[in-house]
C-alpha atoms as a PDB file:
ATOM      1  CA  MET A   1     142.295  33.885 -49.087  1.00  0.00           C
ATOM      2  CA  PRO A   2     141.752  33.722 -52.852  1.00  0.00           C
ATOM      3  CA  MET A   3     143.347  30.679 -54.280  1.00  0.00           C
ATOM      4  CA  THR A   4     146.141  32.948 -55.894  1.00  0.00           C
ATOM      5  CA  GLU A   5     147.621  34.804 -53.016  1.00  0.00           C
ATOM      6  CA  PHE A   6     147.433  31.588 -50.828  1.00  0.00           C
ATOM      7  CA  ARG A   7     149.462  30.109 -53.736  1.00  0.00           C
ATOM      8  CA  LYS A   8     151.582  32.927 -53.964  1.00  0.00           C
ATOM      9  CA  LEU A   9     152.049  33.051 -50.094  1.00  0.00           C
ATOM     10  CA  TYR A  10     153.187  29.043 -50.115  1.00  0.00           C
ATOM     11  CA  GLU A  11     155.597  29.584 -52.671  1.00  0.00           C
ATOM     12  CA  THR A  12     157.366  32.766 -50.695  1.00  0.00           C
ATOM     13  CA  VAL A  13     156.847  31.512 -47.210  1.00  0.00           C
ATOM     14  CA  PHE A  14     157.450  27.980 -47.701  1.00  0.00           C
ATOM     15  CA  PRO A  15     161.558  27.621 -48.015  1.00  0.00           C
ATOM     16  CA  ILE A  16     161.807  30.328 -44.647  1.00  0.00           C
ATOM     17  CA  LEU A  17     159.424  27.665 -42.762  1.00  0.00           C
ATOM     18  CA  PHE A  18     161.237  24.521 -43.559  1.00  0.00           C
ATOM     19  CA  LYS A  19     164.294  25.682 -43.373  1.00  0.00           C
ATOM     20  CA  VAL A  20     163.182  26.518 -39.791  1.00  0.00           C
ATOM     21  CA  ALA A  21     161.474  23.506 -38.914  1.00  0.00           C
ATOM     22  CA  TYR A  22     164.395  21.669 -40.342  1.00  0.00           C
ATOM     23  CA  ARG A  23     166.706  22.969 -37.917  1.00  0.00           C
ATOM     24  CA  ILE A  24     164.751  22.384 -34.849  1.00  0.00           C
ATOM     25  CA  ALA A  25     163.073  18.724 -35.869  1.00  0.00           C
ATOM     26  CA  THR A  26     166.600  17.946 -37.974  1.00  0.00           C
ATOM     27  CA  SER A  27     164.460  15.750 -40.547  1.00  0.00           C
ATOM     28  CA  GLU A  28     163.377  16.517 -43.504  1.00  0.00           C
ATOM     29  CA  GLU A  29     160.458  14.525 -43.872  1.00  0.00           C
ATOM     30  CA  ALA A  30     159.232  15.801 -40.123  1.00  0.00           C
ATOM     31  CA  ALA A  31     160.110  19.507 -41.307  1.00  0.00           C
ATOM     32  CA  GLU A  32     157.881  19.489 -44.917  1.00  0.00           C
ATOM     33  CA  ASP A  33     155.244  17.812 -42.632  1.00  0.00           C
ATOM     34  CA  LEU A  34     155.091  20.321 -40.515  1.00  0.00           C
ATOM     35  CA  CYS A  35     155.328  22.958 -43.193  1.00  0.00           C
ATOM     36  CA  GLN A  36     152.336  21.514 -44.926  1.00  0.00           C
ATOM     37  CA  GLU A  37     150.248  21.175 -42.244  1.00  0.00           C
ATOM     38  CA  ALA A  38     150.665  24.888 -40.579  1.00  0.00           C
ATOM     39  CA  PHE A  39     149.457  25.960 -44.235  1.00  0.00           C
ATOM     40  CA  PHE A  40     146.503  23.019 -44.310  1.00  0.00           C
ATOM     41  CA  ARG A  41     145.639  24.894 -40.741  1.00  0.00           C
ATOM     42  CA  LEU A  42     145.611  28.393 -42.619  1.00  0.00           C
ATOM     43  CA  TYR A  43     143.914  27.025 -45.624  1.00  0.00           C
ATOM     44  CA  GLU A  44     141.346  25.176 -43.867  1.00  0.00           C
ATOM     45  CA  LYS A  45     139.989  28.189 -41.270  1.00  0.00           C
ATOM     46  CA  ASN A  46     139.979  30.616 -44.206  1.00  0.00           C
ATOM     47  CA  MET A  47     142.379  33.023 -42.166  1.00  0.00           C
ATOM     48  CA  VAL A  48     141.947  36.074 -43.323  1.00  0.00           C
ATOM     49  CA  PHE A  49     145.262  38.815 -42.413  1.00  0.00           C
ATOM     50  CA  PRO A  50     145.370  42.283 -42.970  1.00  0.00           C
ATOM     51  CA  ASN A  51     148.361  41.509 -45.213  1.00  0.00           C
ATOM     52  CA  SER A  52     151.043  38.776 -46.803  1.00  0.00           C
ATOM     53  CA  GLU A  53     153.473  39.778 -44.266  1.00  0.00           C
ATOM     54  CA  GLU A  54     151.252  38.657 -41.064  1.00  0.00           C
ATOM     55  CA  ALA A  55     150.468  35.523 -42.077  1.00  0.00           C
ATOM     56  CA  LYS A  56     153.857  34.557 -42.767  1.00  0.00           C
ATOM     57  CA  TYR A  57     154.417  35.917 -39.346  1.00  0.00           C
ATOM     58  CA  TRP A  58     151.587  33.355 -38.214  1.00  0.00           C
ATOM     59  CA  LEU A  59     152.921  30.491 -40.254  1.00  0.00           C
ATOM     60  CA  ILE A  60     156.375  30.867 -38.390  1.00  0.00           C
ATOM     61  CA  ARG A  61     154.907  30.713 -34.826  1.00  0.00           C
ATOM     62  CA  VAL A  62     152.989  27.781 -36.175  1.00  0.00           C
ATOM     63  CA  VAL A  63     155.857  25.708 -37.648  1.00  0.00           C
ATOM     64  CA  LYS A  64     158.239  26.707 -34.854  1.00  0.00           C
ATOM     65  CA  ASN A  65     155.982  26.002 -31.943  1.00  0.00           C
ATOM     66  CA  ALA A  66     154.934  22.351 -34.156  1.00  0.00           C
ATOM     67  CA  ALA A  67     158.832  21.620 -34.367  1.00  0.00           C
ATOM     68  CA  LEU A  68     159.562  22.507 -30.882  1.00  0.00           C
ATOM     69  CA  ASN A  69     156.684  19.868 -30.100  1.00  0.00           C
ATOM     70  CA  TYR A  70     158.214  17.356 -32.390  1.00  0.00           C
ATOM     71  CA  ALA A  71     161.443  17.205 -31.690  1.00  0.00           C
ATOM     72  CA  LYS A  72     160.484  17.078 -27.804  1.00  0.00           C
ATOM     73  CA  ARG A  73     158.194  14.527 -28.617  1.00  0.00           C
ATOM     74  CA  LYS A  74     161.333  12.039 -30.525  1.00  0.00           C
ATOM     75  CA  ASP A  75     163.474  12.771 -27.736  1.00  0.00           C
ATOM     76  CA  ARG A  76     160.757  11.559 -25.405  1.00  0.00           C
ATOM     77  CA  GLU A  77     160.329   8.521 -27.420  1.00  0.00           C
ATOM     78  CA  ARG A  78     163.573   7.631 -27.680  1.00  0.00           C
ATOM     79  CA  LYS A  79     164.341   7.870 -24.205  1.00  0.00           C
ATOM     80  CA  ALA A  80     161.743   5.608 -23.635  1.00  0.00           C
ATOM     81  CA  TYR A  81     163.007   3.464 -25.882  1.00  0.00           C
ATOM     82  CA  GLN A  82     166.433   2.961 -24.787  1.00  0.00           C
ATOM     83  CA  LYS A  83     165.045   2.640 -21.142  1.00  0.00           C
ATOM     84  CA  ALA A  84     162.945   0.166 -22.490  1.00  0.00           C
ATOM     85  CA  PHE A  85     165.494  -1.826 -24.029  1.00  0.00           C
ATOM     86  CA  ARG A  86     168.503  -0.659 -22.440  1.00  0.00           C
ATOM     87  CA  GLU A  87     170.056   0.121 -24.999  1.00  0.00           C
ATOM     88  CA  ASP A  88     173.602   1.984 -25.232  1.00  0.00           C
ATOM     89  CA  ILE A  89     172.876   5.724 -24.469  1.00  0.00           C
ATOM     90  CA  ARG A  90     174.508   7.071 -27.645  1.00  0.00           C
ATOM     91  CA  LEU A  91     173.862   9.748 -30.070  1.00  0.00           C
ATOM     92  CA  GLU A  92     171.715   8.394 -32.503  1.00  0.00           C
ATOM     93  CA  LYS A  93     172.357   9.792 -36.289  1.00  0.00           C
ATOM     94  CA  THR A  94     169.933  12.164 -37.764  1.00  0.00           C
ATOM     95  CA  GLY A  95     168.827  12.851 -41.111  1.00  0.00           C
ATOM     96  CA  GLU A  96     170.910  15.945 -41.072  1.00  0.00           C
ATOM     97  CA  GLN A  97     174.167  14.381 -39.629  1.00  0.00           C
ATOM     98  CA  VAL A  98     173.726  11.462 -42.516  1.00  0.00           C
ATOM     99  CA  LEU A  99     173.030  14.838 -45.356  1.00  0.00           C
ATOM    100  CA  ILE A 100     176.176  16.566 -43.077  1.00  0.00           C
ATOM    101  CA  ASN A 101     179.241  15.121 -44.307  1.00  0.00           C
ATOM    102  CA  GLN A 102     181.982  18.130 -43.045  1.00  0.00           C
ATOM    103  CA  GLU A 103     182.835  17.722 -39.519  1.00  0.00           C
ATOM    104  CA  THR A 104     182.381  21.868 -38.619  1.00  0.00           C
ATOM    105  CA  GLN A 105     178.840  21.712 -39.734  1.00  0.00           C
ATOM    106  CA  ARG A 106     178.422  19.058 -36.990  1.00  0.00           C
ATOM    107  CA  GLU A 107     179.806  20.945 -34.163  1.00  0.00           C
ATOM    108  CA  VAL A 108     178.024  23.798 -34.794  1.00  0.00           C
ATOM    109  CA  GLN A 109     174.999  21.972 -34.494  1.00  0.00           C
ATOM    110  CA  GLU A 110     175.547  20.076 -31.577  1.00  0.00           C
ATOM    111  CA  ALA A 111     176.634  23.298 -29.664  1.00  0.00           C
ATOM    112  CA  LEU A 112     173.251  24.804 -31.154  1.00  0.00           C
ATOM    113  CA  GLU A 113     171.160  22.382 -29.548  1.00  0.00           C
ATOM    114  CA  LYS A 114     173.243  23.099 -26.188  1.00  0.00           C
ATOM    115  CA  LEU A 115     171.725  26.905 -26.141  1.00  0.00           C
ATOM    116  CA  PRO A 116     168.822  27.382 -24.195  1.00  0.00           C
ATOM    117  CA  GLU A 117     165.247  27.471 -26.523  1.00  0.00           C
ATOM    118  CA  ASN A 118     164.292  31.143 -26.367  1.00  0.00           C
ATOM    119  CA  LEU A 119     168.291  31.433 -27.423  1.00  0.00           C
ATOM    120  CA  ARG A 120     168.132  28.634 -30.041  1.00  0.00           C
ATOM    121  CA  ILE A 121     165.001  30.011 -31.507  1.00  0.00           C
ATOM    122  CA  VAL A 122     165.932  33.499 -32.520  1.00  0.00           C
ATOM    123  CA  LEU A 123     169.269  31.966 -33.633  1.00  0.00           C
ATOM    124  CA  ILE A 124     167.734  29.432 -35.870  1.00  0.00           C
ATOM    125  CA  LEU A 125     165.792  31.977 -37.573  1.00  0.00           C
ATOM    126  CA  LYS A 126     167.882  34.537 -38.013  1.00  0.00           C
ATOM    127  CA  GLU A 127     170.465  32.313 -39.389  1.00  0.00           C
ATOM    128  CA  TYR A 128     168.851  29.595 -41.236  1.00  0.00           C
ATOM    129  CA  GLY A 129     165.020  31.058 -41.258  1.00  0.00           C
ATOM    130  CA  GLU A 130     167.048  34.068 -42.866  1.00  0.00           C
ATOM    131  CA  LEU A 131     165.091  37.032 -40.961  1.00  0.00           C
ATOM    132  CA  ASN A 132     165.798  40.002 -39.805  1.00  0.00           C
ATOM    133  CA  TYR A 133     165.528  41.119 -36.169  1.00  0.00           C
ATOM    134  CA  LYS A 134     161.914  43.161 -36.514  1.00  0.00           C
ATOM    135  CA  GLU A 135     160.399  40.147 -38.389  1.00  0.00           C
ATOM    136  CA  ILE A 136     161.677  37.852 -35.673  1.00  0.00           C
ATOM    137  CA  GLY A 137     160.268  39.885 -33.067  1.00  0.00           C
ATOM    138  CA  ARG A 138     156.643  40.030 -34.793  1.00  0.00           C
ATOM    139  CA  ALA A 139     156.897  36.467 -35.202  1.00  0.00           C
ATOM    140  CA  LEU A 140     158.139  35.521 -31.519  1.00  0.00           C
ATOM    141  CA  GLY A 141     156.134  38.349 -29.884  1.00  0.00           C
ATOM    142  CA  ILE A 142     158.917  40.353 -28.390  1.00  0.00           C
ATOM    143  CA  SER A 143     160.516  43.598 -28.778  1.00  0.00           C
ATOM    144  CA  GLU A 144     162.942  44.367 -31.977  1.00  0.00           C
ATOM    145  CA  GLY A 145     165.227  45.338 -28.926  1.00  0.00           C
ATOM    146  CA  ASN A 146     165.141  41.695 -27.111  1.00  0.00           C
ATOM    147  CA  VAL A 147     165.795  39.868 -30.499  1.00  0.00           C
ATOM    148  CA  LYS A 148     168.972  41.681 -31.125  1.00  0.00           C
ATOM    149  CA  VAL A 149     170.342  41.140 -27.348  1.00  0.00           C
ATOM    150  CA  ARG A 150     168.842  37.691 -27.182  1.00  0.00           C
ATOM    151  CA  VAL A 151     170.878  37.044 -30.848  1.00  0.00           C
ATOM    152  CA  PHE A 152     173.781  38.543 -29.680  1.00  0.00           C
ATOM    153  CA  ARG A 153     173.807  36.094 -26.260  1.00  0.00           C
ATOM    154  CA  ALA A 154     173.083  33.361 -28.042  1.00  0.00           C
ATOM    155  CA  ARG A 155     176.104  33.986 -30.402  1.00  0.00           C
ATOM    156  CA  GLU A 156     178.589  34.873 -27.707  1.00  0.00           C
ATOM    157  CA  ARG A 157     177.477  31.221 -26.159  1.00  0.00           C
ATOM    158  CA  LEU A 158     177.696  29.047 -29.202  1.00  0.00           C
ATOM    159  CA  ALA A 159     181.105  30.841 -29.727  1.00  0.00           C
ATOM    160  CA  GLY A 160     181.825  29.262 -26.188  1.00  0.00           C
ATOM    161  CA  LEU A 161     180.737  26.424 -26.729  1.00  0.00           C
ATOM    162  CA  LEU A 162     183.040  25.945 -29.352  1.00  0.00           C
ATOM    163  CA  SER A 163     185.973  26.593 -28.327  1.00  0.00           C
ATOM    164  CA  LYS A 164     185.450  25.172 -24.841  1.00  0.00           C
ATOM    165  CA  ASP A 165     185.081  21.998 -26.782  1.00  0.00           C
ATOM    166  CA  GLY A 166     188.139  22.596 -28.779  1.00  0.00           C
ATOM    167  CA  SER A 167     186.636  22.721 -32.420  1.00  0.00           C
ATOM    168  CA  HIS A 168     187.883  24.716 -35.173  1.00  0.00           C
ATOM    169  CA  VAL A 169     184.927  26.390 -36.525  1.00  0.00           C
ATOM    170  CA  SER A 170     185.738  30.108 -37.350  1.00  0.00           C
END
């Protein structure tokens, strides 16, 4: 991939990848690292795609999977640390909670984390990655119709979780 083409891809896709990685990993530093690693892999392997859209979807898949792995690893580390030191099992403050001061945003994030992974991912890609249904389908390797169904179900479950918790999110 020529350097000018790579730079253009980086400049247009990085903001989307960062939003997705940040919502999954809940850490700005980790999200930035995950995005950089994905672009490094693309460049290092000198991968060739028919067009920039295909490269974009490949990068989204790579970042999504890396962020999920990061989040799972951090959760395992936190649980091991709590068990080893018999600490209180309290929710630790993430970078996101420190940055976000408004109560409604915190409530939405907590409810989002309760969603099953397949529903949570499509909602993150739709709402935070700002991808359309077709782009999400291509990124996840599922049909556009399946994406629509998952987004609908995710929104319904999220609304149910928020109303059950007595949240005031509209």
